[in-house]
Amino acid sequence: MKAILGDKNRVIVYSCYLDSNKSASQGRKISKSLAVPSPKIDEIFGASQKLNLEPMIEEKVHPSWWWEETLRVSVKKVRPKREILVMIAKKIAEERKKLKK
């Protein structure tokens, strides 16, 4: 299933949106207390799968950093974008805790 440009039923997630090491001006979209350090695309994809958000990895550059090669994850829109970002960040943090044990 290929996402259609401007699909209102999907939300785009770049890793910088969830990165606690980034400032808001560098692209972080959720509060630092909820964000996770250096999230990887695989972690975002895995967390999105566990949340049943039908994720798809896309090779698209972030508009602010067009010179860097980046990947992004497109997920099903089940709630407002920031709520989805928080859900994914919490799931990543939860999965990282499980790995440490």
PDB file of N, CA and C in Angstrom:
ATOM      1  N   MET A   1       0.848  -1.186   0.000  1.00  0.00           N
ATOM      2  CA  MET A   1       0.000   0.000   0.000  1.00  0.00           C
ATOM      3  C   MET A   1       0.887   1.241   0.000  1.00  0.00           C
ATOM      4  N   LYS A   2       0.783   2.043  -0.997  1.00  0.00           N
ATOM      5  CA  LYS A   2       1.618   3.238  -1.117  1.00  0.00           C
ATOM      6  C   LYS A   2       0.843   4.449  -0.613  1.00  0.00           C
ATOM      7  N   ALA A   3       1.514   5.256   0.229  1.00  0.00           N
ATOM      8  CA  ALA A   3       0.875   6.462   0.754  1.00  0.00           C
ATOM      9  C   ALA A   3       0.737   7.489  -0.363  1.00  0.00           C
ATOM     10  N   ILE A   4      -0.374   8.145  -0.368  1.00  0.00           N
ATOM     11  CA  ILE A   4      -0.616   9.201  -1.345  1.00  0.00           C
ATOM     12  C   ILE A   4      -0.144  10.509  -0.746  1.00  0.00           C
ATOM     13  N   LEU A   5       0.546  11.313  -1.547  1.00  0.00           N
ATOM     14  CA  LEU A   5       1.047  12.603  -1.087  1.00  0.00           C
ATOM     15  C   LEU A   5      -0.098  13.418  -0.507  1.00  0.00           C
ATOM     16  N   GLY A   6       0.083  13.889   0.718  1.00  0.00           N
ATOM     17  CA  GLY A   6      -0.951  14.689   1.360  1.00  0.00           C
ATOM     18  C   GLY A   6      -2.083  13.867   1.936  1.00  0.00           C
ATOM     19  N   ASP A   7      -1.864  12.583   2.148  1.00  0.00           N
ATOM     20  CA  ASP A   7      -2.898  11.702   2.710  1.00  0.00           C
ATOM     21  C   ASP A   7      -3.236  12.150   4.124  1.00  0.00           C
ATOM     22  N   LYS A   8      -4.466  12.558   4.333  1.00  0.00           N
ATOM     23  CA  LYS A   8      -4.905  13.090   5.633  1.00  0.00           C
ATOM     24  C   LYS A   8      -5.129  11.985   6.664  1.00  0.00           C
ATOM     25  N   ASN A   9      -5.074  10.726   6.225  1.00  0.00           N
ATOM     26  CA  ASN A   9      -5.278   9.604   7.137  1.00  0.00           C
ATOM     27  C   ASN A   9      -3.970   9.035   7.669  1.00  0.00           C
ATOM     28  N   ARG A  10      -2.869   9.701   7.353  1.00  0.00           N
ATOM     29  CA  ARG A  10      -1.555   9.233   7.801  1.00  0.00           C
ATOM     30  C   ARG A  10      -0.786  10.393   8.412  1.00  0.00           C
ATOM     31  N   VAL A  11       0.152  10.040   9.297  1.00  0.00           N
ATOM     32  CA  VAL A  11       1.000  11.022   9.965  1.00  0.00           C
ATOM     33  C   VAL A  11       2.450  10.662   9.663  1.00  0.00           C
ATOM     34  N   ILE A  12       3.260  11.663   9.372  1.00  0.00           N
ATOM     35  CA  ILE A  12       4.682  11.458   9.086  1.00  0.00           C
ATOM     36  C   ILE A  12       5.468  11.607  10.387  1.00  0.00           C
ATOM     37  N   VAL A  13       6.398  10.671  10.622  1.00  0.00           N
ATOM     38  CA  VAL A  13       7.231  10.716  11.822  1.00  0.00           C
ATOM     39  C   VAL A  13       8.698  10.651  11.410  1.00  0.00           C
ATOM     40  N   TYR A  14       9.423  11.742  11.630  1.00  0.00           N
ATOM     41  CA  TYR A  14      10.873  11.761  11.473  1.00  0.00           C
ATOM     42  C   TYR A  14      11.462  11.513  12.857  1.00  0.00           C
ATOM     43  N   SER A  15      12.633  10.915  12.931  1.00  0.00           N
ATOM     44  CA  SER A  15      13.245  10.607  14.222  1.00  0.00           C
ATOM     45  C   SER A  15      13.489  11.861  15.055  1.00  0.00           C
ATOM     46  N   CYS A  16      13.776  12.985  14.421  1.00  0.00           N
ATOM     47  CA  CYS A  16      14.031  14.221  15.174  1.00  0.00           C
ATOM     48  C   CYS A  16      12.801  14.665  15.970  1.00  0.00           C
ATOM     49  N   TYR A  17      11.608  14.272  15.545  1.00  0.00           N
ATOM     50  CA  TYR A  17      10.384  14.648  16.266  1.00  0.00           C
ATOM     51  C   TYR A  17      10.360  14.091  17.686  1.00  0.00           C
ATOM     52  N   LEU A  18      11.039  12.963  17.894  1.00  0.00           N
ATOM     53  CA  LEU A  18      10.986  12.248  19.171  1.00  0.00           C
ATOM     54  C   LEU A  18      12.297  12.310  19.944  1.00  0.00           C
ATOM     55  N   ASP A  19      13.291  13.016  19.427  1.00  0.00           N
ATOM     56  CA  ASP A  19      14.644  12.988  19.971  1.00  0.00           C
ATOM     57  C   ASP A  19      14.847  13.999  21.105  1.00  0.00           C
ATOM     58  N   SER A  20      15.106  13.486  22.305  1.00  0.00           N
ATOM     59  CA  SER A  20      15.306  14.360  23.469  1.00  0.00           C
ATOM     60  C   SER A  20      16.618  15.146  23.380  1.00  0.00           C
ATOM     61  N   ASN A  21      17.510  14.741  22.495  1.00  0.00           N
ATOM     62  CA  ASN A  21      18.773  15.463  22.312  1.00  0.00           C
ATOM     63  C   ASN A  21      18.620  16.674  21.393  1.00  0.00           C
ATOM     64  N   LYS A  22      17.467  16.808  20.773  1.00  0.00           N
ATOM     65  CA  LYS A  22      17.212  17.922  19.858  1.00  0.00           C
ATOM     66  C   LYS A  22      16.374  18.989  20.561  1.00  0.00           C
ATOM     67  N   SER A  23      16.539  20.212  20.111  1.00  0.00           N
ATOM     68  CA  SER A  23      15.706  21.303  20.622  1.00  0.00           C
ATOM     69  C   SER A  23      14.459  21.401  19.738  1.00  0.00           C
ATOM     70  N   ALA A  24      13.514  22.192  20.179  1.00  0.00           N
ATOM     71  CA  ALA A  24      12.312  22.379  19.369  1.00  0.00           C
ATOM     72  C   ALA A  24      12.666  22.998  18.024  1.00  0.00           C
ATOM     73  N   SER A  25      13.646  23.895  18.003  1.00  0.00           N
ATOM     74  CA  SER A  25      14.039  24.517  16.737  1.00  0.00           C
ATOM     75  C   SER A  25      14.773  23.536  15.821  1.00  0.00           C
ATOM     76  N   GLN A  26      15.254  22.431  16.390  1.00  0.00           N
ATOM     77  CA  GLN A  26      15.911  21.392  15.589  1.00  0.00           C
ATOM     78  C   GLN A  26      14.923  20.312  15.158  1.00  0.00           C
ATOM     79  N   GLY A  27      13.650  20.491  15.505  1.00  0.00           N
ATOM     80  CA  GLY A  27      12.633  19.579  14.997  1.00  0.00           C
ATOM     81  C   GLY A  27      11.883  18.750  16.020  1.00  0.00           C
ATOM     82  N   ARG A  28      12.282  18.791  17.299  1.00  0.00           N
ATOM     83  CA  ARG A  28      11.564  17.993  18.300  1.00  0.00           C
ATOM     84  C   ARG A  28      10.140  18.520  18.432  1.00  0.00           C
ATOM     85  N   LYS A  29       9.148  17.626  18.417  1.00  0.00           N
ATOM     86  CA  LYS A  29       7.749  18.039  18.439  1.00  0.00           C
ATOM     87  C   LYS A  29       7.035  17.712  19.752  1.00  0.00           C
ATOM     88  N   ILE A  30       7.687  16.962  20.641  1.00  0.00           N
ATOM     89  CA  ILE A  30       7.064  16.639  21.929  1.00  0.00           C
ATOM     90  C   ILE A  30       7.982  17.123  23.041  1.00  0.00           C
ATOM     91  N   SER A  31       7.455  17.197  24.242  1.00  0.00           N
ATOM     92  CA  SER A  31       8.267  17.720  25.345  1.00  0.00           C
ATOM     93  C   SER A  31       9.469  16.814  25.596  1.00  0.00           C
ATOM     94  N   LYS A  32      10.531  17.426  26.081  1.00  0.00           N
ATOM     95  CA  LYS A  32      11.780  16.697  26.334  1.00  0.00           C
ATOM     96  C   LYS A  32      11.564  15.546  27.316  1.00  0.00           C
ATOM     97  N   SER A  33      10.683  15.757  28.289  1.00  0.00           N
ATOM     98  CA  SER A  33      10.438  14.725  29.304  1.00  0.00           C
ATOM     99  C   SER A  33       9.789  13.473  28.706  1.00  0.00           C
ATOM    100  N   LEU A  34       9.090  13.616  27.611  1.00  0.00           N
ATOM    101  CA  LEU A  34       8.443  12.469  26.966  1.00  0.00           C
ATOM    102  C   LEU A  34       9.270  11.894  25.817  1.00  0.00           C
ATOM    103  N   ALA A  35      10.212  12.683  25.318  1.00  0.00           N
ATOM    104  CA  ALA A  35      11.043  12.264  24.183  1.00  0.00           C
ATOM    105  C   ALA A  35      12.083  11.230  24.626  1.00  0.00           C
ATOM    106  N   VAL A  36      12.675  10.557  23.656  1.00  0.00           N
ATOM    107  CA  VAL A  36      13.707   9.547  23.921  1.00  0.00           C
ATOM    108  C   VAL A  36      15.003   9.960  23.237  1.00  0.00           C
ATOM    109  N   PRO A  37      16.157   9.611  23.819  1.00  0.00           N
ATOM    110  CA  PRO A  37      17.420   9.992  23.182  1.00  0.00           C
ATOM    111  C   PRO A  37      17.689   9.189  21.906  1.00  0.00           C
ATOM    112  N   SER A  38      17.998   9.878  20.857  1.00  0.00           N
ATOM    113  CA  SER A  38      18.420   9.298  19.572  1.00  0.00           C
ATOM    114  C   SER A  38      17.583   8.109  19.094  1.00  0.00           C
ATOM    115  N   PRO A  39      16.286   8.296  18.863  1.00  0.00           N
ATOM    116  CA  PRO A  39      15.484   7.169  18.366  1.00  0.00           C
ATOM    117  C   PRO A  39      15.883   6.796  16.946  1.00  0.00           C
ATOM    118  N   LYS A  40      15.926   5.522  16.677  1.00  0.00           N
ATOM    119  CA  LYS A  40      16.273   5.015  15.347  1.00  0.00           C
ATOM    120  C   LYS A  40      14.979   4.718  14.573  1.00  0.00           C
ATOM    121  N   ILE A  41      15.061   4.760  13.265  1.00  0.00           N
ATOM    122  CA  ILE A  41      13.899   4.487  12.416  1.00  0.00           C
ATOM    123  C   ILE A  41      13.335   3.097  12.711  1.00  0.00           C
ATOM    124  N   ASP A  42      14.217   2.114  12.932  1.00  0.00           N
ATOM    125  CA  ASP A  42      13.754   0.754  13.244  1.00  0.00           C
ATOM    126  C   ASP A  42      12.936   0.730  14.533  1.00  0.00           C
ATOM    127  N   GLU A  43      13.353   1.522  15.526  1.00  0.00           N
ATOM    128  CA  GLU A  43      12.615   1.589  16.789  1.00  0.00           C
ATOM    129  C   GLU A  43      11.248   2.244  16.580  1.00  0.00           C
ATOM    130  N   ILE A  44      11.218   3.296  15.789  1.00  0.00           N
ATOM    131  CA  ILE A  44       9.954   3.987  15.509  1.00  0.00           C
ATOM    132  C   ILE A  44       9.011   3.043  14.758  1.00  0.00           C
ATOM    133  N   PHE A  45       9.561   2.335  13.782  1.00  0.00           N
ATOM    134  CA  PHE A  45       8.762   1.378  13.006  1.00  0.00           C
ATOM    135  C   PHE A  45       8.224   0.267  13.909  1.00  0.00           C
ATOM    136  N   GLY A  46       9.100  -0.302  14.749  1.00  0.00           N
ATOM    137  CA  GLY A  46       8.688  -1.388  15.643  1.00  0.00           C
ATOM    138  C   GLY A  46       7.635  -0.942  16.645  1.00  0.00           C
ATOM    139  N   ALA A  47       7.832   0.237  17.240  1.00  0.00           N
ATOM    140  CA  ALA A  47       6.862   0.763  18.201  1.00  0.00           C
ATOM    141  C   ALA A  47       5.522   1.013  17.510  1.00  0.00           C
ATOM    142  N   SER A  48       5.569   1.526  16.298  1.00  0.00           N
ATOM    143  CA  SER A  48       4.347   1.801  15.541  1.00  0.00           C
ATOM    144  C   SER A  48       3.603   0.513  15.205  1.00  0.00           C
ATOM    145  N   GLN A  49       4.363  -0.535  14.897  1.00  0.00           N
ATOM    146  CA  GLN A  49       3.751  -1.837  14.624  1.00  0.00           C
ATOM    147  C   GLN A  49       3.034  -2.356  15.867  1.00  0.00           C
ATOM    148  N   LYS A  50       3.703  -2.268  17.016  1.00  0.00           N
ATOM    149  CA  LYS A  50       3.107  -2.762  18.264  1.00  0.00           C
ATOM    150  C   LYS A  50       1.875  -1.967  18.658  1.00  0.00           C
ATOM    151  N   LEU A  51       1.787  -0.711  18.194  1.00  0.00           N
ATOM    152  CA  LEU A  51       0.627   0.134  18.467  1.00  0.00           C
ATOM    153  C   LEU A  51      -0.439   0.006  17.363  1.00  0.00           C
ATOM    154  N   ASN A  52      -0.221  -0.913  16.423  1.00  0.00           N
ATOM    155  CA  ASN A  52      -1.151  -1.154  15.308  1.00  0.00           C
ATOM    156  C   ASN A  52      -1.415   0.100  14.474  1.00  0.00           C
ATOM    157  N   LEU A  53      -0.344   0.831  14.175  1.00  0.00           N
ATOM    158  CA  LEU A  53      -0.475   2.065  13.398  1.00  0.00           C
ATOM    159  C   LEU A  53      -0.147   1.878  11.915  1.00  0.00           C
ATOM    160  N   GLU A  54      -0.004   0.632  11.481  1.00  0.00           N
ATOM    161  CA  GLU A  54       0.283   0.307  10.072  1.00  0.00           C
ATOM    162  C   GLU A  54       1.427   1.152   9.497  1.00  0.00           C
ATOM    163  N   PRO A  55       2.625   1.052  10.103  1.00  0.00           N
ATOM    164  CA  PRO A  55       3.745   1.899   9.656  1.00  0.00           C
ATOM    165  C   PRO A  55       4.314   1.501   8.296  1.00  0.00           C
ATOM    166  N   MET A  56       4.849   2.499   7.613  1.00  0.00           N
ATOM    167  CA  MET A  56       5.578   2.293   6.360  1.00  0.00           C
ATOM    168  C   MET A  56       6.821   3.172   6.410  1.00  0.00           C
ATOM    169  N   ILE A  57       7.967   2.599   6.071  1.00  0.00           N
ATOM    170  CA  ILE A  57       9.202   3.383   6.017  1.00  0.00           C
ATOM    171  C   ILE A  57       9.305   3.993   4.623  1.00  0.00           C
ATOM    172  N   GLU A  58       9.610   5.285   4.585  1.00  0.00           N
ATOM    173  CA  GLU A  58       9.726   5.999   3.319  1.00  0.00           C
ATOM    174  C   GLU A  58      11.085   6.680   3.234  1.00  0.00           C
ATOM    175  N   GLU A  59      11.667   6.690   2.043  1.00  0.00           N
ATOM    176  CA  GLU A  59      12.932   7.402   1.823  1.00  0.00           C
ATOM    177  C   GLU A  59      12.621   8.826   1.398  1.00  0.00           C
ATOM    178  N   LYS A  60      12.466   9.688   2.369  1.00  0.00           N
ATOM    179  CA  LYS A  60      12.176  11.099   2.102  1.00  0.00           C
ATOM    180  C   LYS A  60      13.027  11.938   3.039  1.00  0.00           C
ATOM    181  N   VAL A  61      13.534  13.031   2.535  1.00  0.00           N
ATOM    182  CA  VAL A  61      14.348  13.914   3.367  1.00  0.00           C
ATOM    183  C   VAL A  61      13.445  14.868   4.147  1.00  0.00           C
ATOM    184  N   HIS A  62      13.934  15.275   5.319  1.00  0.00           N
ATOM    185  CA  HIS A  62      13.216  16.272   6.110  1.00  0.00           C
ATOM    186  C   HIS A  62      13.364  17.606   5.379  1.00  0.00           C
ATOM    187  N   PRO A  63      12.289  18.367   5.218  1.00  0.00           N
ATOM    188  CA  PRO A  63      12.368  19.627   4.461  1.00  0.00           C
ATOM    189  C   PRO A  63      13.419  20.613   4.986  1.00  0.00           C
ATOM    190  N   SER A  64      13.650  20.621   6.290  1.00  0.00           N
ATOM    191  CA  SER A  64      14.638  21.551   6.857  1.00  0.00           C
ATOM    192  C   SER A  64      16.074  21.074   6.661  1.00  0.00           C
ATOM    193  N   TRP A  65      16.256  19.779   6.430  1.00  0.00           N
ATOM    194  CA  TRP A  65      17.594  19.213   6.250  1.00  0.00           C
ATOM    195  C   TRP A  65      17.627  18.429   4.950  1.00  0.00           C
ATOM    196  N   TRP A  66      17.318  19.104   3.846  1.00  0.00           N
ATOM    197  CA  TRP A  66      17.185  18.456   2.553  1.00  0.00           C
ATOM    198  C   TRP A  66      18.476  17.848   2.052  1.00  0.00           C
ATOM    199  N   TRP A  67      19.614  18.284   2.571  1.00  0.00           N
ATOM    200  CA  TRP A  67      20.908  17.775   2.100  1.00  0.00           C
ATOM    201  C   TRP A  67      21.291  16.464   2.793  1.00  0.00           C
ATOM    202  N   GLU A  68      20.606  16.117   3.883  1.00  0.00           N
ATOM    203  CA  GLU A  68      20.900  14.871   4.596  1.00  0.00           C
ATOM    204  C   GLU A  68      19.978  13.764   4.098  1.00  0.00           C
ATOM    205  N   GLU A  69      20.545  12.583   3.932  1.00  0.00           N
ATOM    206  CA  GLU A  69      19.716  11.444   3.564  1.00  0.00           C
ATOM    207  C   GLU A  69      19.022  10.942   4.815  1.00  0.00           C
ATOM    208  N   THR A  70      17.713  10.942   4.792  1.00  0.00           N
ATOM    209  CA  THR A  70      16.970  10.485   5.960  1.00  0.00           C
ATOM    210  C   THR A  70      15.815   9.588   5.543  1.00  0.00           C
ATOM    211  N   LEU A  71      15.368   8.823   6.507  1.00  0.00           N
ATOM    212  CA  LEU A  71      14.174   8.003   6.326  1.00  0.00           C
ATOM    213  C   LEU A  71      13.108   8.562   7.254  1.00  0.00           C
ATOM    214  N   ARG A  72      11.871   8.217   6.961  1.00  0.00           N
ATOM    215  CA  ARG A  72      10.779   8.611   7.834  1.00  0.00           C
ATOM    216  C   ARG A  72       9.788   7.469   7.893  1.00  0.00           C
ATOM    217  N   VAL A  73       8.915   7.522   8.874  1.00  0.00           N
ATOM    218  CA  VAL A  73       7.886   6.505   9.016  1.00  0.00           C
ATOM    219  C   VAL A  73       6.539   7.188   8.852  1.00  0.00           C
ATOM    220  N   SER A  74       5.692   6.596   8.054  1.00  0.00           N
ATOM    221  CA  SER A  74       4.331   7.073   7.871  1.00  0.00           C
ATOM    222  C   SER A  74       3.424   6.116   8.635  1.00  0.00           C
ATOM    223  N   VAL A  75       2.551   6.662   9.496  1.00  0.00           N
ATOM    224  CA  VAL A  75       1.663   5.819  10.304  1.00  0.00           C
ATOM    225  C   VAL A  75       0.208   6.246  10.128  1.00  0.00           C
ATOM    226  N   LYS A  76      -0.690   5.320  10.445  1.00  0.00           N
ATOM    227  CA  LYS A  76      -2.120   5.605  10.360  1.00  0.00           C
ATOM    228  C   LYS A  76      -2.497   6.650  11.413  1.00  0.00           C
ATOM    229  N   LYS A  77      -3.304   7.610  11.029  1.00  0.00           N
ATOM    230  CA  LYS A  77      -3.718   8.670  11.952  1.00  0.00           C
ATOM    231  C   LYS A  77      -4.932   8.183  12.749  1.00  0.00           C
ATOM    232  N   VAL A  78      -4.691   7.866  14.020  1.00  0.00           N
ATOM    233  CA  VAL A  78      -5.768   7.408  14.892  1.00  0.00           C
ATOM    234  C   VAL A  78      -6.118   8.460  15.946  1.00  0.00           C
ATOM    235  N   ARG A  79      -5.240   9.431  16.104  1.00  0.00           N
ATOM    236  CA  ARG A  79      -5.397  10.523  17.063  1.00  0.00           C
ATOM    237  C   ARG A  79      -4.675  11.737  16.500  1.00  0.00           C
ATOM    238  N   PRO A  80      -4.716  12.873  17.213  1.00  0.00           N
ATOM    239  CA  PRO A  80      -3.921  14.017  16.752  1.00  0.00           C
ATOM    240  C   PRO A  80      -2.428  13.662  16.705  1.00  0.00           C
ATOM    241  N   LYS A  81      -1.697  14.334  15.824  1.00  0.00           N
ATOM    242  CA  LYS A  81      -0.289  14.010  15.570  1.00  0.00           C
ATOM    243  C   LYS A  81       0.558  13.967  16.838  1.00  0.00           C
ATOM    244  N   ARG A  82       0.459  14.976  17.690  1.00  0.00           N
ATOM    245  CA  ARG A  82       1.298  14.993  18.900  1.00  0.00           C
ATOM    246  C   ARG A  82       0.992  13.818  19.822  1.00  0.00           C
ATOM    247  N   GLU A  83      -0.262  13.433  19.918  1.00  0.00           N
ATOM    248  CA  GLU A  83      -0.620  12.265  20.742  1.00  0.00           C
ATOM    249  C   GLU A  83       0.015  11.000  20.175  1.00  0.00           C
ATOM    250  N   ILE A  84       0.007  10.863  18.867  1.00  0.00           N
ATOM    251  CA  ILE A  84       0.631   9.706  18.225  1.00  0.00           C
ATOM    252  C   ILE A  84       2.130   9.710  18.498  1.00  0.00           C
ATOM    253  N   LEU A  85       2.777  10.871  18.394  1.00  0.00           N
ATOM    254  CA  LEU A  85       4.210  10.972  18.656  1.00  0.00           C
ATOM    255  C   LEU A  85       4.524  10.579  20.096  1.00  0.00           C
ATOM    256  N   VAL A  86       3.703  11.016  21.041  1.00  0.00           N
ATOM    257  CA  VAL A  86       3.904  10.658  22.448  1.00  0.00           C
ATOM    258  C   VAL A  86       3.722   9.150  22.634  1.00  0.00           C
ATOM    259  N   MET A  87       2.700   8.582  22.009  1.00  0.00           N
ATOM    260  CA  MET A  87       2.464   7.134  22.109  1.00  0.00           C
ATOM    261  C   MET A  87       3.684   6.360  21.616  1.00  0.00           C
ATOM    262  N   ILE A  88       4.229   6.771  20.484  1.00  0.00           N
ATOM    263  CA  ILE A  88       5.391   6.080  19.905  1.00  0.00           C
ATOM    264  C   ILE A  88       6.610   6.234  20.812  1.00  0.00           C
ATOM    265  N   ALA A  89       6.847   7.445  21.318  1.00  0.00           N
ATOM    266  CA  ALA A  89       8.001   7.682  22.201  1.00  0.00           C
ATOM    267  C   ALA A  89       7.891   6.844  23.471  1.00  0.00           C
ATOM    268  N   LYS A  90       6.707   6.768  24.054  1.00  0.00           N
ATOM    269  CA  LYS A  90       6.506   5.961  25.271  1.00  0.00           C
ATOM    270  C   LYS A  90       6.755   4.486  24.983  1.00  0.00           C
ATOM    271  N   LYS A  91       6.306   4.013  23.833  1.00  0.00           N
ATOM    272  CA  LYS A  91       6.497   2.605  23.466  1.00  0.00           C
ATOM    273  C   LYS A  91       7.986   2.315  23.258  1.00  0.00           C
ATOM    274  N   ILE A  92       8.718   3.248  22.642  1.00  0.00           N
ATOM    275  CA  ILE A  92      10.165   3.064  22.454  1.00  0.00           C
ATOM    276  C   ILE A  92      10.854   2.995  23.815  1.00  0.00           C
ATOM    277  N   ALA A  93      10.509   3.896  24.716  1.00  0.00           N
ATOM    278  CA  ALA A  93      11.100   3.897  26.061  1.00  0.00           C
ATOM    279  C   ALA A  93      10.801   2.581  26.779  1.00  0.00           C
ATOM    280  N   GLU A  94       9.582   2.099  26.638  1.00  0.00           N
ATOM    281  CA  GLU A  94       9.164   0.831  27.253  1.00  0.00           C
ATOM    282  C   GLU A  94       9.984  -0.330  26.691  1.00  0.00           C
ATOM    283  N   GLU A  95      10.157  -0.363  25.377  1.00  0.00           N
ATOM    284  CA  GLU A  95      10.924  -1.434  24.735  1.00  0.00           C
ATOM    285  C   GLU A  95      12.401  -1.374  25.137  1.00  0.00           C
ATOM    286  N   ARG A  96      12.954  -0.179  25.270  1.00  0.00           N
ATOM    287  CA  ARG A  96      14.352  -0.046  25.694  1.00  0.00           C
ATOM    288  C   ARG A  96      14.530  -0.551  27.123  1.00  0.00           C
ATOM    289  N   LYS A  97      13.552  -0.299  27.981  1.00  0.00           N
ATOM    290  CA  LYS A  97      13.623  -0.798  29.364  1.00  0.00           C
ATOM    291  C   LYS A  97      13.635  -2.321  29.385  1.00  0.00           C
ATOM    292  N   LYS A  98      12.815  -2.924  28.551  1.00  0.00           N
ATOM    293  CA  LYS A  98      12.741  -4.397  28.472  1.00  0.00           C
ATOM    294  C   LYS A  98      14.093  -4.965  28.040  1.00  0.00           C
ATOM    295  N   LEU A  99      14.765  -4.288  27.113  1.00  0.00           N
ATOM    296  CA  LEU A  99      16.063  -4.768  26.614  1.00  0.00           C
ATOM    297  C   LEU A  99      17.150  -4.686  27.680  1.00  0.00           C
ATOM    298  N   LYS A 100      17.047  -3.696  28.575  1.00  0.00           N
ATOM    299  CA  LYS A 100      18.060  -3.526  29.615  1.00  0.00           C
ATOM    300  C   LYS A 100      17.978  -4.608  30.690  1.00  0.00           C
ATOM    301  N   LYS A 101      16.808  -5.188  30.845  1.00  0.00           N
ATOM    302  CA  LYS A 101      16.634  -6.208  31.904  1.00  0.00           C
ATOM    303  C   LYS A 101      17.228  -7.527  31.538  1.00  0.00           C
TER     304      LYS A 101
END
